[in-house]
Protein backbone atom coordinates (compact mmCIF):
# COMPACT_ATOMS: atom_id res chain seq x y z
CA MET A 1 14.56 44.56 29.51
CA LYS A 2 14.05 41.30 31.43
CA VAL A 3 17.17 40.07 33.22
CA ASN A 4 17.09 36.71 34.97
CA ILE A 5 18.58 37.65 38.34
CA GLU A 6 17.56 36.94 41.94
CA THR A 7 14.45 38.89 43.01
CA HIS A 8 16.01 41.14 45.66
CA TRP A 9 18.86 42.09 43.34
CA LYS A 10 16.42 42.74 40.51
CA LYS A 11 14.61 45.28 42.67
CA ILE A 12 17.84 47.01 43.75
CA LEU A 13 19.29 47.12 40.23
CA LYS A 14 16.14 47.63 38.13
CA ASP A 15 17.14 51.10 36.93
CA GLU A 16 20.52 49.79 35.77
CA PHE A 17 18.92 47.26 33.42
CA GLN A 18 17.19 50.05 31.48
CA LYS A 19 20.34 52.08 30.81
CA PRO A 20 21.73 52.13 27.25
CA TYR A 21 25.12 50.76 28.31
CA PHE A 22 23.48 47.68 29.84
CA GLN A 23 21.29 47.06 26.81
CA ASN A 24 24.41 47.28 24.63
CA LEU A 25 26.18 44.90 27.01
CA VAL A 26 23.38 42.34 26.74
CA GLU A 27 23.61 42.44 22.93
CA PHE A 28 27.38 42.08 23.06
CA VAL A 29 27.18 39.07 25.40
CA LYS A 30 24.48 37.40 23.29
CA ASP A 31 26.60 37.79 20.15
CA GLU A 32 29.72 36.49 21.87
CA TYR A 33 27.95 33.39 23.21
CA GLN A 34 26.51 32.69 19.76
CA GLN A 35 29.81 33.08 17.90
CA TYR A 36 32.38 31.76 20.40
CA ILE A 37 32.79 29.48 23.38
CA CYS A 38 32.34 31.70 26.43
CA TYR A 39 32.32 31.16 30.17
CA PRO A 40 30.54 30.68 32.46
CA LYS A 41 27.47 28.93 31.08
CA GLY A 42 24.64 31.36 30.45
CA LYS A 43 22.64 30.07 33.41
CA ASP A 44 25.59 30.79 35.73
CA ILE A 45 26.36 34.39 34.71
CA PHE A 46 24.44 35.76 37.72
CA LYS A 47 25.09 32.80 40.04
CA ALA A 48 26.85 34.94 42.66
CA PHE A 49 23.63 36.94 43.03
CA GLU A 50 21.43 33.85 43.03
CA LEU A 51 23.31 32.15 45.88
CA CYS A 52 23.75 35.37 47.89
CA PRO A 53 20.61 37.54 47.79
CA PHE A 54 21.04 41.24 48.52
CA PRO A 55 19.64 41.20 52.11
CA LYS A 56 21.94 38.32 53.11
CA VAL A 57 25.28 39.82 52.02
CA LYS A 58 27.83 40.06 54.84
CA VAL A 59 31.16 39.83 53.00
CA VAL A 60 32.15 40.85 49.46
CA ILE A 61 35.18 39.29 47.71
CA LEU A 62 36.04 40.92 44.40
CA GLY A 63 37.69 39.19 41.46
CA GLN A 64 38.51 40.58 38.03
CA ASP A 65 37.02 38.25 35.42
CA PRO A 66 36.04 34.56 35.17
CA TYR A 67 38.47 31.72 34.61
CA HIS A 68 38.81 31.22 30.86
CA GLY A 69 39.69 27.50 30.77
CA PRO A 70 37.18 24.70 30.11
CA GLY A 71 34.95 23.73 33.03
CA GLN A 72 36.40 26.21 35.52
CA ALA A 73 34.14 29.28 35.70
CA HIS A 74 30.72 28.85 37.27
CA GLY A 75 29.74 32.36 38.24
CA LEU A 76 31.59 32.76 41.56
CA CYS A 77 34.93 34.57 41.67
CA PHE A 78 37.94 32.35 42.48
CA SER A 79 35.66 29.28 42.71
CA VAL A 80 35.60 26.18 40.49
CA PRO A 81 33.00 23.39 40.37
CA ASP A 82 33.51 20.33 42.53
CA GLY A 83 35.87 17.88 40.82
CA VAL A 84 37.78 20.55 38.88
CA SER A 85 41.45 21.10 39.80
CA LYS A 86 41.94 24.14 42.01
CA PRO A 87 43.67 27.02 40.19
CA PRO A 88 46.82 28.40 41.88
CA SER A 89 45.10 31.55 43.22
CA LEU A 90 42.44 29.46 44.92
CA GLU A 91 45.09 27.15 46.38
CA ASN A 92 46.78 30.21 47.86
CA ILE A 93 43.47 31.41 49.33
CA PHE A 94 43.03 28.06 51.05
CA LYS A 95 46.64 28.13 52.29
CA SER A 96 45.99 31.58 53.75
CA ILE A 97 42.89 30.28 55.55
CA GLN A 98 44.97 27.40 56.89
CA GLN A 99 47.59 29.86 58.22
CA ASP A 100 44.94 32.16 59.69
CA LEU A 101 42.44 29.69 61.14
CA GLY A 102 44.25 26.34 61.19
CA LYS A 103 41.75 24.72 58.83
CA GLU A 104 42.61 21.81 56.56
CA ILE A 105 42.74 22.64 52.84
CA PRO A 106 39.57 21.19 51.28
CA ASN A 107 39.60 18.81 48.33
CA SER A 108 36.93 20.80 46.50
CA GLY A 109 37.40 24.28 45.06
CA ASP A 110 33.65 24.98 45.02
CA LEU A 111 32.99 28.06 47.18
CA SER A 112 29.18 27.82 46.93
CA SER A 113 28.99 27.18 50.68
CA TRP A 114 30.58 30.59 51.29
CA ALA A 115 28.05 32.26 48.98
CA LYS A 116 25.13 30.63 50.78
CA GLN A 117 26.45 32.02 54.09
CA GLY A 118 26.48 35.60 52.79
CA VAL A 119 29.76 35.97 50.87
CA LEU A 120 29.18 37.71 47.54
CA LEU A 121 31.84 36.27 45.22
CA LEU A 122 31.74 39.02 42.63
CA ASN A 123 33.82 39.28 39.48
CA ALA A 124 34.04 42.80 38.06
CA THR A 125 33.46 41.29 34.61
CA LEU A 126 30.94 38.45 34.58
CA THR A 127 31.77 36.76 31.26
CA VAL A 128 34.84 35.88 29.17
CA ARG A 129 35.68 34.30 25.82
CA ALA A 130 37.39 30.90 26.14
CA HIS A 131 41.20 31.09 26.47
CA GLN A 132 41.18 34.91 26.18
CA ALA A 133 41.63 36.52 29.58
CA GLY A 134 40.03 39.95 29.82
CA SER A 135 38.24 39.60 26.49
CA HIS A 136 34.93 40.94 27.87
CA GLN A 137 36.43 43.79 29.87
CA ASN A 138 35.43 47.39 29.05
CA LYS A 139 32.14 46.33 27.50
CA GLY A 140 29.90 47.50 30.33
CA TRP A 141 30.22 44.86 33.01
CA GLU A 142 32.44 47.10 35.15
CA SER A 143 29.79 49.84 35.21
CA PHE A 144 27.24 47.27 36.33
CA THR A 145 29.38 45.74 39.07
CA ASN A 146 30.54 49.18 40.26
CA THR A 147 26.86 49.95 40.81
CA VAL A 148 26.50 46.67 42.71
CA ILE A 149 29.35 47.68 45.05
CA SER A 150 27.92 51.19 45.50
CA LYS A 151 24.43 49.87 46.26
CA LEU A 152 25.83 47.47 48.84
CA SER A 153 27.79 50.28 50.49
CA GLU A 154 24.80 52.63 50.53
CA ASN A 155 22.11 50.19 51.66
CA HIS A 156 23.96 47.97 54.14
CA GLU A 157 25.77 48.50 57.42
CA ASN A 158 28.93 46.75 58.59
CA LEU A 159 29.87 44.71 55.54
CA VAL A 160 33.37 43.33 55.02
CA PHE A 161 34.96 44.04 51.62
CA MET A 162 38.03 41.97 50.72
CA LEU A 163 40.01 43.72 47.97
CA TRP A 164 42.98 41.68 46.78
CA GLY A 165 45.40 43.15 44.25
CA GLY A 166 45.65 46.52 42.56
CA PHE A 167 42.53 46.16 40.43
CA ALA A 168 40.31 45.32 43.40
CA LYS A 169 41.87 47.97 45.64
CA ARG A 170 40.83 50.69 43.20
CA LYS A 171 37.20 49.81 43.96
CA SER A 172 37.64 51.09 47.51
CA THR A 173 36.55 54.54 46.31
CA LEU A 174 33.03 53.11 45.92
CA ILE A 175 32.82 52.04 49.57
CA ASP A 176 31.91 54.13 52.62
CA LYS A 177 34.71 53.21 55.02
CA GLN A 178 32.85 54.80 57.94
CA LYS A 179 30.18 52.10 57.64
CA HIS A 180 32.14 49.09 56.44
CA LEU A 181 35.41 47.21 56.96
CA VAL A 182 37.73 47.23 53.92
CA LEU A 183 40.54 44.65 53.96
CA THR A 184 43.27 44.91 51.30
CA SER A 185 46.29 42.85 50.33
CA GLY A 186 48.21 41.67 47.30
CA HIS A 187 46.51 39.27 44.91
CA PRO A 188 46.57 35.52 45.73
CA SER A 189 48.08 34.72 42.32
CA PRO A 190 51.46 32.91 42.44
CA LEU A 191 53.23 35.97 40.98
CA SER A 192 52.04 38.20 43.82
CA ALA A 193 52.21 35.54 46.52
CA ASN A 194 55.78 34.56 45.65
CA ARG A 195 56.83 38.19 46.01
CA GLY A 196 55.45 38.28 49.55
CA TYR A 197 52.30 40.31 48.83
CA TRP A 198 49.69 37.69 49.78
CA PHE A 199 50.55 35.48 52.73
CA GLY A 200 50.58 36.77 56.29
CA HIS A 201 47.31 38.68 56.43
CA LYS A 202 44.47 37.45 58.61
CA HIS A 203 41.50 38.61 56.58
CA PHE A 204 39.34 35.61 57.39
CA SER A 205 39.62 35.89 61.17
CA GLU A 206 39.41 39.70 60.94
CA ALA A 207 36.19 39.40 58.95
CA ASN A 208 34.64 37.02 61.46
CA ASN A 209 35.68 39.16 64.42
CA TYR A 210 34.12 42.22 62.76
CA LEU A 211 30.89 40.34 62.02
CA LEU A 212 30.70 39.17 65.65
CA GLU A 213 31.30 42.70 66.93
CA ASN A 214 28.34 43.83 64.82
CA ASN A 215 25.99 41.06 65.92
CA LYS A 216 26.22 39.05 62.71
CA SER A 217 26.90 35.35 62.33
CA THR A 218 30.40 34.41 61.24
CA ILE A 219 31.45 32.65 58.04
CA GLU A 220 32.57 29.03 58.08
CA TRP A 221 35.53 29.48 55.75
């Protein structure tokens, strides 16, 4: 089965594309996009991989599924296209960066610049039906993205994994903590942040310090 994904990723994941679950997933996604409004646009489903090829990954940020409102999702977790209002979770991420690194909060919520520097902005589920959060969960995407996380852990050294919230933290079992740095906290959503589970960590400076210690260039957050 031909999957339109960045060349390095295609090589790493080629066996996955032939598995029955993935072929069933492709049929499910095709049907959903034909019958309903779904996000992101078809061309952006694998955008995280396109902007951050496998050899260039330095940091992995894990989200759950895409934004389900019009014009928001564009294939990068937590990110929205330039000109779209920043969702509350993204605002809280920027506030955390401001606390940690003293940076001004940007006007744009487009995180493409992070991806191009080596931050894989990976949602566990890569598609969603409009206005129906979680509607494409448990259809096969999680098996695919679990394999992505495992392949990164196995084939790279000294990556930083940022796991925010209970869902993301459960993915830590896929990561070799002897080889990589795993940073965990509450989710940046208002519900979690308002309860004191988000603010106060220094994940962004910790990530850059770890990258420096391992002779890698830092991320301009």
